[in-house]
Amino acid sequence: MTDTREVDLRGIDLSQLVAHAQAVIDAATAGEHLLVLADHQVVLNYLVPTAATNGLRCRFGPPDGGVWQVELSPRQMPASAEPDAGKE
């Protein structure tokens, strides 16, 4: 089982959110599993399409108590797609 790191973006000024959200995308692209907490839908509107274009898995649901929860993780690469697949 992979550890999930929680990233709390609640209370961050809107002018700073995209930079923080991009850092989250960069961390997930590097292999981290993240649970992002946010109180602005702007984060969701940025994270979901950006995660998809970076090949990340993204799960989210409706906000609970005004807090969005977004799970980001790298997609599992099929064994046949790994660089050394088929080599003996």
N, C-alpha and C. Protein backbone atom coordinates (compact mmCIF):
# COMPACT_ATOMS: atom_id res chain seq x y z
N MET A 1 0.84 -1.18 0.00
CA MET A 1 0.00 0.00 0.00
C MET A 1 0.88 1.25 0.00
N THR A 2 0.47 2.23 -0.74
CA THR A 2 1.25 3.46 -0.88
C THR A 2 0.75 4.50 0.11
N ASP A 3 1.68 5.20 0.74
CA ASP A 3 1.30 6.28 1.66
C ASP A 3 0.76 7.46 0.87
N THR A 4 -0.25 8.08 1.44
CA THR A 4 -0.84 9.27 0.83
C THR A 4 -0.50 10.47 1.70
N ARG A 5 0.02 11.50 1.05
CA ARG A 5 0.36 12.74 1.76
C ARG A 5 -0.79 13.71 1.60
N GLU A 6 -1.20 14.32 2.70
CA GLU A 6 -2.27 15.31 2.67
C GLU A 6 -1.68 16.69 2.42
N VAL A 7 -2.30 17.40 1.49
CA VAL A 7 -1.88 18.77 1.16
C VAL A 7 -3.09 19.67 1.41
N ASP A 8 -2.97 20.57 2.35
CA ASP A 8 -4.08 21.44 2.74
C ASP A 8 -3.92 22.80 2.07
N LEU A 9 -4.80 23.08 1.11
CA LEU A 9 -4.78 24.36 0.41
C LEU A 9 -5.88 25.30 0.90
N ARG A 10 -6.52 24.95 2.00
CA ARG A 10 -7.57 25.81 2.55
C ARG A 10 -6.96 27.08 3.13
N GLY A 11 -7.67 28.18 2.93
CA GLY A 11 -7.24 29.44 3.51
C GLY A 11 -6.15 30.16 2.74
N ILE A 12 -5.72 29.60 1.63
CA ILE A 12 -4.68 30.25 0.83
C ILE A 12 -5.34 31.29 -0.07
N ASP A 13 -4.71 32.44 -0.19
CA ASP A 13 -5.22 33.52 -1.02
C ASP A 13 -5.38 33.05 -2.46
N LEU A 14 -6.47 33.46 -3.09
CA LEU A 14 -6.74 33.05 -4.47
C LEU A 14 -5.58 33.33 -5.41
N SER A 15 -4.88 34.43 -5.20
CA SER A 15 -3.77 34.77 -6.09
C SER A 15 -2.62 33.77 -5.99
N GLN A 16 -2.56 32.99 -4.92
CA GLN A 16 -1.49 32.01 -4.70
C GLN A 16 -1.91 30.58 -5.05
N LEU A 17 -3.21 30.35 -5.24
CA LEU A 17 -3.70 28.98 -5.38
C LEU A 17 -3.16 28.23 -6.59
N VAL A 18 -3.08 28.87 -7.73
CA VAL A 18 -2.62 28.17 -8.93
C VAL A 18 -1.17 27.71 -8.76
N ALA A 19 -0.33 28.54 -8.17
CA ALA A 19 1.06 28.15 -7.94
C ALA A 19 1.14 26.95 -7.00
N HIS A 20 0.34 26.95 -5.95
CA HIS A 20 0.31 25.82 -5.02
C HIS A 20 -0.25 24.58 -5.71
N ALA A 21 -1.31 24.77 -6.50
CA ALA A 21 -1.90 23.64 -7.21
C ALA A 21 -0.91 23.05 -8.21
N GLN A 22 -0.12 23.88 -8.86
CA GLN A 22 0.88 23.36 -9.81
C GLN A 22 1.95 22.57 -9.07
N ALA A 23 2.32 23.00 -7.88
CA ALA A 23 3.29 22.24 -7.08
C ALA A 23 2.73 20.86 -6.72
N VAL A 24 1.43 20.80 -6.48
CA VAL A 24 0.77 19.52 -6.20
C VAL A 24 0.84 18.62 -7.44
N ILE A 25 0.55 19.17 -8.61
CA ILE A 25 0.63 18.41 -9.86
C ILE A 25 2.04 17.90 -10.07
N ASP A 26 3.03 18.74 -9.84
CA ASP A 26 4.43 18.34 -10.00
C ASP A 26 4.78 17.18 -9.07
N ALA A 27 4.32 17.25 -7.83
CA ALA A 27 4.61 16.18 -6.86
C ALA A 27 3.95 14.87 -7.27
N ALA A 28 2.71 14.93 -7.73
CA ALA A 28 2.02 13.72 -8.16
C ALA A 28 2.66 13.14 -9.42
N THR A 29 3.08 14.00 -10.33
CA THR A 29 3.76 13.55 -11.54
C THR A 29 5.08 12.86 -11.19
N ALA A 30 5.71 13.30 -10.10
CA ALA A 30 6.96 12.69 -9.65
C ALA A 30 6.73 11.37 -8.91
N GLY A 31 5.46 10.99 -8.71
CA GLY A 31 5.17 9.69 -8.11
C GLY A 31 4.47 9.70 -6.77
N GLU A 32 4.20 10.87 -6.22
CA GLU A 32 3.53 10.93 -4.91
C GLU A 32 2.03 10.70 -5.05
N HIS A 33 1.45 10.10 -4.02
CA HIS A 33 0.01 9.95 -3.89
C HIS A 33 -0.45 11.04 -2.93
N LEU A 34 -1.39 11.88 -3.37
CA LEU A 34 -1.77 13.06 -2.60
C LEU A 34 -3.27 13.15 -2.37
N LEU A 35 -3.64 13.66 -1.22
CA LEU A 35 -5.01 14.03 -0.93
C LEU A 35 -4.99 15.54 -0.71
N VAL A 36 -5.65 16.26 -1.61
CA VAL A 36 -5.66 17.72 -1.57
C VAL A 36 -6.97 18.19 -0.95
N LEU A 37 -6.88 19.06 0.04
CA LEU A 37 -8.05 19.67 0.67
C LEU A 37 -8.09 21.13 0.22
N ALA A 38 -9.25 21.57 -0.24
CA ALA A 38 -9.36 22.94 -0.74
C ALA A 38 -10.73 23.50 -0.40
N ASP A 39 -10.78 24.80 -0.16
CA ASP A 39 -12.05 25.45 0.12
C ASP A 39 -12.49 26.36 -1.03
N HIS A 40 -11.79 26.30 -2.15
CA HIS A 40 -12.18 27.07 -3.34
C HIS A 40 -12.32 26.11 -4.52
N GLN A 41 -13.40 26.25 -5.26
CA GLN A 41 -13.60 25.40 -6.44
C GLN A 41 -12.56 25.68 -7.51
N VAL A 42 -11.90 26.82 -7.44
CA VAL A 42 -10.84 27.15 -8.38
C VAL A 42 -9.78 26.04 -8.40
N VAL A 43 -9.46 25.51 -7.23
CA VAL A 43 -8.47 24.43 -7.14
C VAL A 43 -8.95 23.23 -7.93
N LEU A 44 -10.19 22.85 -7.75
CA LEU A 44 -10.75 21.71 -8.48
C LEU A 44 -10.74 21.99 -9.98
N ASN A 45 -11.15 23.19 -10.37
CA ASN A 45 -11.20 23.55 -11.80
C ASN A 45 -9.82 23.52 -12.44
N TYR A 46 -8.77 23.74 -11.66
CA TYR A 46 -7.41 23.70 -12.19
C TYR A 46 -6.82 22.29 -12.11
N LEU A 47 -6.97 21.64 -10.95
CA LEU A 47 -6.33 20.34 -10.74
C LEU A 47 -6.82 19.25 -11.67
N VAL A 48 -8.13 19.14 -11.84
CA VAL A 48 -8.67 18.00 -12.59
C VAL A 48 -8.19 17.99 -14.05
N PRO A 49 -8.38 19.06 -14.83
CA PRO A 49 -7.90 18.99 -16.22
C PRO A 49 -6.37 18.93 -16.32
N THR A 50 -5.68 19.62 -15.41
CA THR A 50 -4.22 19.59 -15.46
C THR A 50 -3.70 18.21 -15.10
N ALA A 51 -4.33 17.56 -14.14
CA ALA A 51 -3.95 16.19 -13.78
C ALA A 51 -4.16 15.26 -14.97
N ALA A 52 -5.28 15.41 -15.65
CA ALA A 52 -5.57 14.55 -16.80
C ALA A 52 -4.55 14.73 -17.91
N THR A 53 -4.16 15.97 -18.20
CA THR A 53 -3.19 16.19 -19.27
C THR A 53 -1.79 15.72 -18.88
N ASN A 54 -1.55 15.53 -17.58
CA ASN A 54 -0.26 15.02 -17.11
C ASN A 54 -0.30 13.52 -16.85
N GLY A 55 -1.38 12.86 -17.25
CA GLY A 55 -1.47 11.41 -17.11
C GLY A 55 -1.66 10.93 -15.68
N LEU A 56 -2.23 11.76 -14.83
CA LEU A 56 -2.45 11.38 -13.44
C LEU A 56 -3.86 10.84 -13.23
N ARG A 57 -4.00 10.01 -12.22
CA ARG A 57 -5.32 9.54 -11.80
C ARG A 57 -5.86 10.59 -10.83
N CYS A 58 -7.13 10.94 -10.98
CA CYS A 58 -7.73 11.98 -10.17
C CYS A 58 -9.12 11.53 -9.73
N ARG A 59 -9.38 11.60 -8.43
CA ARG A 59 -10.70 11.26 -7.90
C ARG A 59 -11.16 12.40 -7.01
N PHE A 60 -12.44 12.73 -7.13
CA PHE A 60 -13.01 13.78 -6.29
C PHE A 60 -14.50 13.58 -6.21
N GLY A 61 -15.11 14.23 -5.26
CA GLY A 61 -16.55 14.17 -5.11
C GLY A 61 -17.07 15.53 -4.71
N PRO A 62 -18.36 15.60 -4.43
CA PRO A 62 -18.92 16.89 -4.01
C PRO A 62 -18.28 17.35 -2.71
N PRO A 63 -18.24 18.65 -2.49
CA PRO A 63 -17.61 19.15 -1.27
C PRO A 63 -18.36 18.69 -0.02
N ASP A 64 -17.61 18.42 1.02
CA ASP A 64 -18.18 18.02 2.30
C ASP A 64 -17.91 19.16 3.29
N GLY A 65 -18.96 19.84 3.70
CA GLY A 65 -18.79 20.96 4.61
C GLY A 65 -18.01 22.10 4.00
N GLY A 66 -18.11 22.28 2.70
CA GLY A 66 -17.40 23.36 2.02
C GLY A 66 -15.96 23.04 1.68
N VAL A 67 -15.55 21.78 1.89
CA VAL A 67 -14.16 21.38 1.61
C VAL A 67 -14.15 20.35 0.49
N TRP A 68 -13.42 20.68 -0.57
CA TRP A 68 -13.21 19.74 -1.67
C TRP A 68 -12.06 18.81 -1.29
N GLN A 69 -12.21 17.53 -1.62
CA GLN A 69 -11.13 16.57 -1.44
C GLN A 69 -10.81 15.97 -2.80
N VAL A 70 -9.58 16.11 -3.21
CA VAL A 70 -9.14 15.61 -4.51
C VAL A 70 -7.97 14.67 -4.29
N GLU A 71 -8.10 13.44 -4.77
CA GLU A 71 -7.01 12.46 -4.68
C GLU A 71 -6.27 12.44 -6.01
N LEU A 72 -4.97 12.57 -5.96
CA LEU A 72 -4.12 12.53 -7.15
C LEU A 72 -3.07 11.46 -6.97
N SER A 73 -2.85 10.69 -8.03
CA SER A 73 -1.80 9.67 -7.99
C SER A 73 -1.36 9.37 -9.41
N PRO A 74 -0.14 8.84 -9.54
CA PRO A 74 0.31 8.44 -10.87
C PRO A 74 -0.49 7.25 -11.34
N ARG A 75 -0.71 7.16 -12.62
CA ARG A 75 -1.37 5.97 -13.18
C ARG A 75 -0.39 4.82 -13.12
N GLN A 76 -0.92 3.62 -12.90
CA GLN A 76 -0.08 2.42 -12.93
C GLN A 76 0.27 2.13 -14.38
N MET A 77 1.54 1.96 -14.65
CA MET A 77 2.00 1.65 -15.99
C MET A 77 1.87 0.14 -16.21
N PRO A 78 1.18 -0.31 -17.27
CA PRO A 78 1.11 -1.74 -17.54
C PRO A 78 2.50 -2.32 -17.72
N ALA A 79 2.69 -3.56 -17.29
CA ALA A 79 4.00 -4.20 -17.38
C ALA A 79 4.54 -4.18 -18.80
N SER A 80 3.66 -4.33 -19.79
CA SER A 80 4.12 -4.34 -21.18
C SER A 80 4.61 -2.98 -21.65
N ALA A 81 4.25 -1.92 -20.92
CA ALA A 81 4.67 -0.57 -21.32
C ALA A 81 5.94 -0.12 -20.60
N GLU A 82 6.41 -0.91 -19.64
CA GLU A 82 7.61 -0.54 -18.92
C GLU A 82 8.82 -0.65 -19.83
N PRO A 83 9.82 0.20 -19.63
CA PRO A 83 10.98 0.26 -20.54
C PRO A 83 11.69 -1.08 -20.75
N ASP A 84 11.78 -1.92 -19.73
CA ASP A 84 12.51 -3.19 -19.86
C ASP A 84 11.59 -4.38 -20.10
N ALA A 85 10.32 -4.15 -20.38
CA ALA A 85 9.38 -5.25 -20.59
C ALA A 85 9.80 -6.08 -21.79
N GLY A 86 9.78 -7.37 -21.62
CA GLY A 86 10.11 -8.28 -22.71
C GLY A 86 11.58 -8.56 -22.87
N LYS A 87 12.43 -7.86 -22.13
CA LYS A 87 13.87 -8.10 -22.21
C LYS A 87 14.25 -9.15 -21.19
N GLU A 88 15.14 -10.01 -21.54
CA GLU A 88 15.55 -11.07 -20.63
C GLU A 88 16.96 -10.88 -20.19
